[in-house]
């Protein structure tokens, strides 16, 4: 499978969950690696009020921790030898940080190209500690940052705060485990605008495939969980099926592939805009050879308009302004001749602009 995937230019990521079934040989051969009750039985996993009686979690602080840690390292070494170079680590925050520091360092000493993905929605300090321990990418709270002030505050924290030096954020609009409340029972507009934000705010994004592409919006009542989940049933998807979302994903992914400005998170600057339902931000390379302006209508139901301010200093512009804009989504072209410029977005046409900017040399 790995060989065929590579032939199709696809990398296989393996989900790593460090736990055991009750009949695993480790339970029989190394009972000291697990927490035991006073009667000598192994303590199964619990996350009150949930009980996971089919899972035995490791005791990473066991007196025999050196042998346990060394054995778990061999799990990675085995799959690396089979050609796996990406590991999505399940709930790394439930294991000691010092274990990950040691293990990632051991792996990267021999295999610098191995990627570790941190699947951890937990307290900010713990997420930061995992990033410092060596995880290549980390989950973020983007999934629940919906209002304009929430997005501004959170992204500015990631881009301009101290975590920019060690935390590589991955933005997910949804996950196999999470159907956020703002997507529930909603139409395609909210799915499109949330995808556009994830794929252009961050250099790294992910979606839970067909469920997102085809607007699966039915939750377990009162919970952020899919009603008909692939965690519990096998689904057959028509991989040739297309809609507006699949077309938009194609266009944005092509732009991300060919434009360095969209391949970084740290080059982002929000732009002033006089409409609370519109969000605008600039992404540009240092030499301004590649510049994008993204404008998003955060209201999936109504048309909104306003005036966006070009960041003159960042773009090294002077009056009179002469900026050419090409919207890669609609193929429409504009010329802006002033610092403040009118924008209008109808979510039923498309809820965002993806403008490629060209500045006239005499204007810089």
Protein backbone atom coordinates (compact mmCIF):
# COMPACT_ATOMS: atom_id res chain seq x y z
CA UNK A 1 0.00 0.00 0.00
CA UNK A 2 2.82 2.39 0.89
CA UNK A 3 4.61 1.72 -2.40
CA UNK A 4 1.44 2.30 -4.44
CA UNK A 5 0.66 5.47 -2.48
CA UNK A 6 4.12 6.87 -3.16
CA UNK A 7 3.65 6.14 -6.86
CA UNK A 8 0.55 8.37 -6.65
CA UNK A 9 2.51 11.07 -4.75
CA UNK A 10 0.63 10.32 -1.52
CA UNK A 11 2.24 9.84 1.90
CA UNK A 12 0.70 7.42 4.37
CA UNK A 13 0.31 8.62 7.96
CA UNK A 14 -0.10 6.05 10.70
CA UNK A 15 -2.28 6.57 13.75
CA UNK A 16 -0.35 5.67 16.90
CA UNK A 17 -2.36 4.96 20.05
CA UNK A 18 -0.24 3.63 22.91
CA UNK A 19 -2.56 1.24 24.71
CA UNK A 20 -3.26 -2.48 24.71
CA UNK A 21 -6.12 -4.89 24.28
CA UNK A 22 -6.59 -7.20 27.29
CA UNK A 23 -5.22 -10.18 25.33
CA UNK A 24 -2.06 -8.40 24.09
CA UNK A 25 1.19 -10.28 24.85
CA UNK A 26 2.50 -7.26 26.80
CA UNK A 27 -0.25 -7.77 29.39
CA UNK A 28 0.84 -11.35 29.97
CA UNK A 29 4.61 -10.87 29.67
CA UNK A 30 5.02 -7.44 31.30
CA UNK A 31 2.16 -6.84 33.75
CA UNK A 32 4.40 -4.30 35.55
CA UNK A 33 3.94 -1.93 32.59
CA UNK A 34 0.30 -1.40 33.56
CA UNK A 35 -1.50 -0.01 36.57
CA UNK A 36 -2.80 -2.77 38.81
CA UNK A 37 -5.61 -2.84 41.32
CA UNK A 38 -5.02 -4.15 44.85
CA UNK A 39 -6.35 -7.54 43.77
CA UNK A 40 -3.67 -7.77 41.04
CA UNK A 41 -6.00 -7.21 38.07
CA UNK A 42 -5.05 -4.69 35.40
CA UNK A 43 -6.79 -1.31 35.61
CA UNK A 44 -8.62 -0.50 32.39
CA UNK A 45 -8.88 3.01 30.95
CA UNK A 46 -11.42 5.47 32.29
CA UNK A 47 -12.40 9.00 31.39
CA UNK A 48 -15.27 9.55 33.83
CA UNK A 49 -18.07 8.89 33.30
CA UNK A 50 -16.81 6.76 30.39
CA UNK A 51 -15.25 3.35 30.97
CA UNK A 52 -13.06 1.66 28.36
CA UNK A 53 -12.91 -1.90 29.57
CA UNK A 54 -11.32 -3.10 26.32
CA UNK A 55 -8.28 -0.80 26.73
CA UNK A 56 -5.34 -1.13 29.11
CA UNK A 57 -3.29 2.09 29.29
CA UNK A 58 0.45 1.95 29.98
CA UNK A 59 1.87 3.15 33.27
CA UNK A 60 4.67 5.38 32.01
CA UNK A 61 5.93 5.93 35.57
CA UNK A 62 6.37 2.23 36.27
CA UNK A 63 9.60 1.24 38.01
CA UNK A 64 10.39 -0.62 34.77
CA UNK A 65 9.88 2.55 32.69
CA UNK A 66 13.22 2.27 30.86
CA UNK A 67 12.29 -1.07 29.32
CA UNK A 68 8.76 0.13 28.56
CA UNK A 69 10.00 3.27 26.80
CA UNK A 70 12.61 1.32 24.84
CA UNK A 71 9.96 -1.16 23.70
CA UNK A 72 7.60 1.60 22.53
CA UNK A 73 10.45 3.13 20.54
CA UNK A 74 10.70 -0.14 18.60
CA UNK A 75 7.08 0.32 17.47
CA UNK A 76 8.10 3.48 15.60
CA UNK A 77 11.30 1.87 14.33
CA UNK A 78 9.36 -1.07 12.90
CA UNK A 79 6.93 1.08 10.92
CA UNK A 80 9.67 3.45 9.76
CA UNK A 81 11.41 0.39 8.31
CA UNK A 82 8.19 -0.37 6.39
CA UNK A 83 8.25 3.11 4.82
CA UNK A 84 6.00 5.12 7.14
CA UNK A 85 7.36 8.62 7.76
CA UNK A 86 4.31 10.36 9.32
CA UNK A 87 2.80 9.48 12.69
CA UNK A 88 -0.44 10.97 13.99
CA UNK A 89 -0.10 10.45 17.73
CA UNK A 90 -3.38 9.90 19.53
CA UNK A 91 -3.84 11.89 22.76
CA UNK A 92 -0.13 12.57 23.38
CA UNK A 93 -1.10 14.85 26.30
CA UNK A 94 -2.09 11.78 28.33
CA UNK A 95 1.53 10.58 28.30
CA UNK A 96 4.50 12.25 29.99
CA UNK A 97 6.08 15.17 28.11
CA UNK A 98 9.54 13.86 28.97
CA UNK A 99 8.68 10.57 27.23
CA UNK A 100 7.95 12.42 23.97
CA UNK A 101 11.08 14.55 24.31
CA UNK A 102 13.16 11.39 24.59
CA UNK A 103 11.35 9.37 21.93
CA UNK A 104 11.18 12.09 19.23
CA UNK A 105 14.87 12.88 19.78
CA UNK A 106 15.76 9.19 19.44
CA UNK A 107 13.81 8.85 16.19
CA UNK A 108 15.02 12.10 14.64
CA UNK A 109 18.66 11.24 15.36
CA UNK A 110 18.37 8.49 12.75
CA UNK A 111 15.48 9.77 10.62
CA UNK A 112 15.35 13.55 10.28
CA UNK A 113 12.41 13.41 7.85
CA UNK A 114 9.96 11.68 10.23
CA UNK A 115 6.94 13.86 11.07
CA UNK A 116 5.06 13.72 14.37
CA UNK A 117 1.51 15.11 14.46
CA UNK A 118 0.07 16.00 17.86
CA UNK A 119 -3.64 15.09 18.14
CA UNK A 120 -4.25 17.01 21.35
CA UNK A 121 -7.18 19.31 22.09
CA UNK A 122 -6.20 20.18 25.63
CA UNK A 123 -5.01 23.07 27.81
CA UNK A 124 -2.87 25.68 26.00
CA UNK A 125 0.19 25.12 28.20
CA UNK A 126 0.12 21.37 27.54
CA UNK A 127 -0.26 21.92 23.78
CA UNK A 128 2.70 24.31 23.90
CA UNK A 129 4.77 21.81 25.90
CA UNK A 130 4.13 19.08 23.32
CA UNK A 131 5.27 21.42 20.54
CA UNK A 132 8.44 22.22 22.49
CA UNK A 133 9.00 18.49 22.98
CA UNK A 134 9.40 18.14 19.23
CA UNK A 135 6.00 17.54 17.62
CA UNK A 136 6.11 18.77 14.03
CA UNK A 137 2.50 19.98 13.90
CA UNK A 138 -0.19 20.54 16.50
CA UNK A 139 -3.96 20.71 16.66
CA UNK A 140 -5.33 24.16 17.43
CA UNK A 141 -8.48 25.82 18.75
CA UNK A 142 -9.35 27.13 15.28
CA UNK A 143 -12.16 24.56 15.21
CA UNK A 144 -14.02 26.69 17.79
CA UNK A 145 -12.88 30.21 16.82
CA UNK A 146 -15.84 31.51 14.82
CA UNK A 147 -16.58 35.16 15.60
CA UNK A 148 -14.37 37.87 14.12
CA UNK A 149 -12.88 38.94 17.45
CA UNK A 150 -12.13 35.29 18.33
CA UNK A 151 -10.26 34.72 15.06
CA UNK A 152 -8.33 37.99 15.35
CA UNK A 153 -7.27 37.34 18.93
CA UNK A 154 -6.32 33.69 18.41
CA UNK A 155 -4.44 34.05 15.12
CA UNK A 156 -2.55 37.14 16.33
CA UNK A 157 -1.53 35.13 19.39
CA UNK A 158 -0.16 32.34 17.17
CA UNK A 159 1.52 34.65 14.65
CA UNK A 160 2.96 37.30 16.96
CA UNK A 161 3.22 35.53 20.34
CA UNK A 162 6.20 33.55 21.63
CA UNK A 163 4.70 30.26 20.40
CA UNK A 164 5.56 31.26 16.81
CA UNK A 165 9.09 29.98 17.52
CA UNK A 166 8.08 26.41 18.34
CA UNK A 167 4.36 25.82 17.64
CA UNK A 168 3.39 24.89 14.06
CA UNK A 169 -0.43 25.19 14.01
CA UNK A 170 -2.66 22.96 11.92
CA UNK A 171 -6.18 24.34 11.33
CA UNK A 172 -9.03 21.82 11.17
CA UNK A 173 -12.63 22.93 10.39
CA UNK A 174 -13.80 19.49 11.54
CA UNK A 175 -12.32 16.15 12.61
CA UNK A 176 -13.57 12.54 12.63
CA UNK A 177 -14.48 13.10 16.28
CA UNK A 178 -15.82 16.65 16.12
CA UNK A 179 -18.72 18.23 14.24
CA UNK A 180 -18.66 21.75 15.74
CA UNK A 181 -21.94 23.35 16.69
CA UNK A 182 -21.61 26.08 14.03
CA UNK A 183 -21.64 23.44 11.25
CA UNK A 184 -24.60 21.50 12.57
CA UNK A 185 -27.77 21.62 10.42
CA UNK A 186 -26.13 24.27 8.20
CA UNK A 187 -25.76 24.62 4.43
CA UNK A 188 -22.72 24.77 2.20
CA UNK A 189 -21.86 28.46 2.77
CA UNK A 190 -20.54 27.96 6.32
CA UNK A 191 -18.55 24.91 5.20
CA UNK A 192 -16.97 26.87 2.33
CA UNK A 193 -16.03 29.91 4.40
CA UNK A 194 -14.58 27.78 7.22
CA UNK A 195 -12.50 25.86 4.69
CA UNK A 196 -11.27 29.09 3.11
CA UNK A 197 -10.19 30.42 6.51
CA UNK A 198 -8.37 27.21 7.48
CA UNK A 199 -6.56 26.86 4.15
CA UNK A 200 -5.41 30.49 3.91
CA UNK A 201 -4.82 31.56 7.52
CA UNK A 202 -2.46 28.66 8.24
CA UNK A 203 0.21 26.98 6.16
CA UNK A 204 -1.12 23.63 7.48
CA UNK A 205 -4.76 22.59 7.41
CA UNK A 206 -6.76 19.39 7.47
CA UNK A 207 -10.33 18.29 6.91
CA UNK A 208 -12.19 15.12 7.70
CA UNK A 209 -12.70 14.21 4.03
CA UNK A 210 -16.08 13.36 2.51
CA UNK A 211 -17.99 14.32 5.66
CA UNK A 212 -16.80 17.90 5.16
CA UNK A 213 -16.73 17.96 1.36
CA UNK A 214 -20.37 16.88 1.17
CA UNK A 215 -21.61 18.95 4.11
CA UNK A 216 -22.45 16.19 6.59
CA UNK A 217 -24.23 18.23 9.28
CA UNK A 218 -26.30 15.78 11.36
CA UNK A 219 -25.03 15.58 14.97
CA UNK A 220 -25.73 13.43 17.94
CA UNK A 221 -28.33 15.70 19.60
CA UNK A 222 -26.69 18.16 21.96
CA UNK A 223 -23.15 17.01 21.20
CA UNK A 224 -20.31 17.94 18.83
CA UNK A 225 -20.26 14.48 17.29
CA UNK A 226 -21.41 13.05 13.98
CA UNK A 227 -24.67 11.10 14.19
CA UNK A 228 -23.63 8.66 11.46
CA UNK A 229 -19.93 8.30 12.13
CA UNK A 230 -17.35 6.22 10.32
CA UNK A 231 -16.03 5.38 13.77
CA UNK A 232 -18.99 3.02 14.06
CA UNK A 233 -19.96 2.07 10.51
CA UNK A 234 -18.46 1.45 7.09
CA UNK A 235 -19.37 4.05 4.48
CA UNK A 236 -19.08 3.78 0.73
CA UNK A 237 -18.21 7.13 -0.91
CA UNK A 238 -18.42 8.10 -4.56
CA UNK A 239 -14.92 9.47 -5.08
CA UNK A 240 -15.85 10.93 -8.47
CA UNK A 241 -18.68 13.03 -7.07
CA UNK A 242 -18.05 16.77 -7.34
CA UNK A 243 -19.71 19.92 -6.01
CA UNK A 244 -18.80 23.55 -5.26
CA UNK A 245 -16.67 22.50 -2.30
CA UNK A 246 -14.53 20.04 -4.23
CA UNK A 247 -13.97 22.66 -6.95
CA UNK A 248 -12.97 25.26 -4.33
CA UNK A 249 -10.62 22.83 -2.61
CA UNK A 250 -8.95 22.17 -5.97
CA UNK A 251 -8.45 25.87 -6.72
CA UNK A 252 -7.10 26.72 -3.25
CA UNK A 253 -4.80 23.71 -3.09
CA UNK A 254 -3.39 24.64 -6.50
CA UNK A 255 -2.77 28.19 -5.28
CA UNK A 256 -1.12 26.90 -2.09
CA UNK A 257 1.16 24.66 -4.15
CA UNK A 258 2.36 27.39 -6.53
CA UNK A 259 2.45 30.48 -4.27
CA UNK A 260 4.99 30.80 -1.43
CA UNK A 261 2.90 33.50 0.27
CA UNK A 262 0.27 30.87 1.11
CA UNK A 263 2.87 28.40 2.41
CA UNK A 264 3.63 30.30 5.61
CA UNK A 265 1.62 31.17 8.72
CA UNK A 266 4.02 33.80 10.07
CA UNK A 267 3.68 36.28 7.18
CA UNK A 268 0.05 37.13 7.99
CA UNK A 269 -1.19 40.64 8.72
CA UNK A 270 -4.82 41.55 9.35
CA UNK A 271 -6.17 44.58 7.50
CA UNK A 272 -8.48 47.27 8.85
CA UNK A 273 -12.05 46.88 7.64
CA UNK A 274 -15.13 48.90 8.62
CA UNK A 275 -17.63 45.99 8.46
CA UNK A 276 -17.80 43.62 11.50
CA UNK A 277 -18.92 40.66 9.37
CA UNK A 278 -15.96 40.89 7.00
CA UNK A 279 -12.42 39.75 7.77
CA UNK A 280 -9.41 40.70 5.64
CA UNK A 281 -5.76 39.69 5.86
CA UNK A 282 -2.60 39.98 3.81
CA UNK A 283 -0.10 37.18 3.18
CA UNK A 284 3.12 38.19 1.44
CA UNK A 285 6.67 37.01 0.93
CA UNK A 286 9.35 39.25 2.42
CA UNK A 287 10.40 40.63 -0.96
CA UNK A 288 6.74 41.17 -2.03
CA UNK A 289 7.24 38.96 -5.09
CA UNK A 290 4.14 37.01 -4.05
CA UNK A 291 1.25 38.83 -2.32
CA UNK A 292 -2.29 37.72 -1.50
CA UNK A 293 -5.22 39.52 0.07
CA UNK A 294 -8.00 37.32 1.47
CA UNK A 295 -11.40 38.80 2.33
CA UNK A 296 -13.99 36.55 3.99
CA UNK A 297 -17.68 37.11 4.74
CA UNK A 298 -18.16 35.47 8.15
CA UNK A 299 -21.95 35.58 7.80
CA UNK A 300 -23.05 32.51 5.78
CA UNK A 301 -26.55 33.88 5.18
CA UNK A 302 -26.28 37.58 4.21
CA UNK A 303 -24.43 39.81 1.78
CA UNK A 304 -22.05 42.32 3.41
CA UNK A 305 -19.93 45.15 2.07
CA UNK A 306 -17.39 47.59 3.42
CA UNK A 307 -14.06 49.32 2.86
CA UNK A 308 -10.77 47.49 3.43
CA UNK A 309 -7.52 49.35 4.05
CA UNK A 310 -4.42 48.35 2.13
CA UNK A 311 -1.44 48.14 4.51
CA UNK A 312 0.59 50.82 2.72
CA UNK A 313 3.75 50.44 4.81
CA UNK A 314 3.85 46.65 4.55
CA UNK A 315 3.30 46.80 0.78
CA UNK A 316 5.72 49.74 0.43
CA UNK A 317 3.06 51.71 -1.39
CA UNK A 318 2.80 55.43 -1.88
CA UNK A 319 0.11 57.63 -3.41
CA UNK A 320 -1.26 57.55 -5.96
CA UNK A 321 -2.00 53.83 -5.46
CA UNK A 322 -2.05 51.48 -8.45
CA UNK A 323 -2.70 47.88 -7.41
CA UNK A 324 -3.99 45.14 -9.72
CA UNK A 325 -6.04 42.34 -8.13
CA UNK A 326 -6.93 38.99 -9.63
CA UNK A 327 -9.49 36.89 -7.75
CA UNK A 328 -8.36 33.31 -8.32
CA UNK A 329 -11.79 31.99 -7.33
CA UNK A 330 -13.93 33.92 -9.83
CA UNK A 331 -11.23 35.01 -12.32
CA UNK A 332 -12.44 38.60 -11.88
CA UNK A 333 -9.90 41.44 -12.07
CA UNK A 334 -9.85 44.83 -10.38
CA UNK A 335 -7.66 47.91 -10.10
CA UNK A 336 -7.46 49.77 -6.79
CA UNK A 337 -6.28 53.37 -6.87
CA UNK A 338 -6.61 54.37 -3.21
CA UNK A 339 -5.74 53.19 0.27
CA UNK A 340 -9.35 52.31 1.25
CA UNK A 341 -11.28 50.16 -1.23
CA UNK A 342 -14.81 48.80 -1.50
CA UNK A 343 -15.48 45.06 -1.21
CA UNK A 344 -18.75 43.16 -1.29
CA UNK A 345 -19.36 39.47 -0.72
CA UNK A 346 -22.54 37.49 -1.28
CA UNK A 347 -22.15 34.07 0.41
CA UNK A 348 -24.55 32.52 -2.11
CA UNK A 349 -22.14 33.47 -4.90
CA UNK A 350 -18.92 32.82 -2.99
CA UNK A 351 -18.19 33.90 0.60
CA UNK A 352 -14.57 34.98 0.08
CA UNK A 353 -12.09 36.68 -2.23
CA UNK A 354 -8.68 35.17 -2.90
CA UNK A 355 -6.91 38.14 -4.46
CA UNK A 356 -3.48 37.83 -6.07
CA UNK A 357 -1.95 41.34 -5.93
CA UNK A 358 0.39 43.05 -8.36
CA UNK A 359 1.84 46.46 -7.50
CA UNK A 360 2.98 48.81 -10.23
CA UNK A 361 6.72 49.49 -9.81
CA UNK A 362 6.26 53.26 -10.03
CA UNK A 363 3.90 53.01 -7.06
CA UNK A 364 6.43 51.39 -4.70
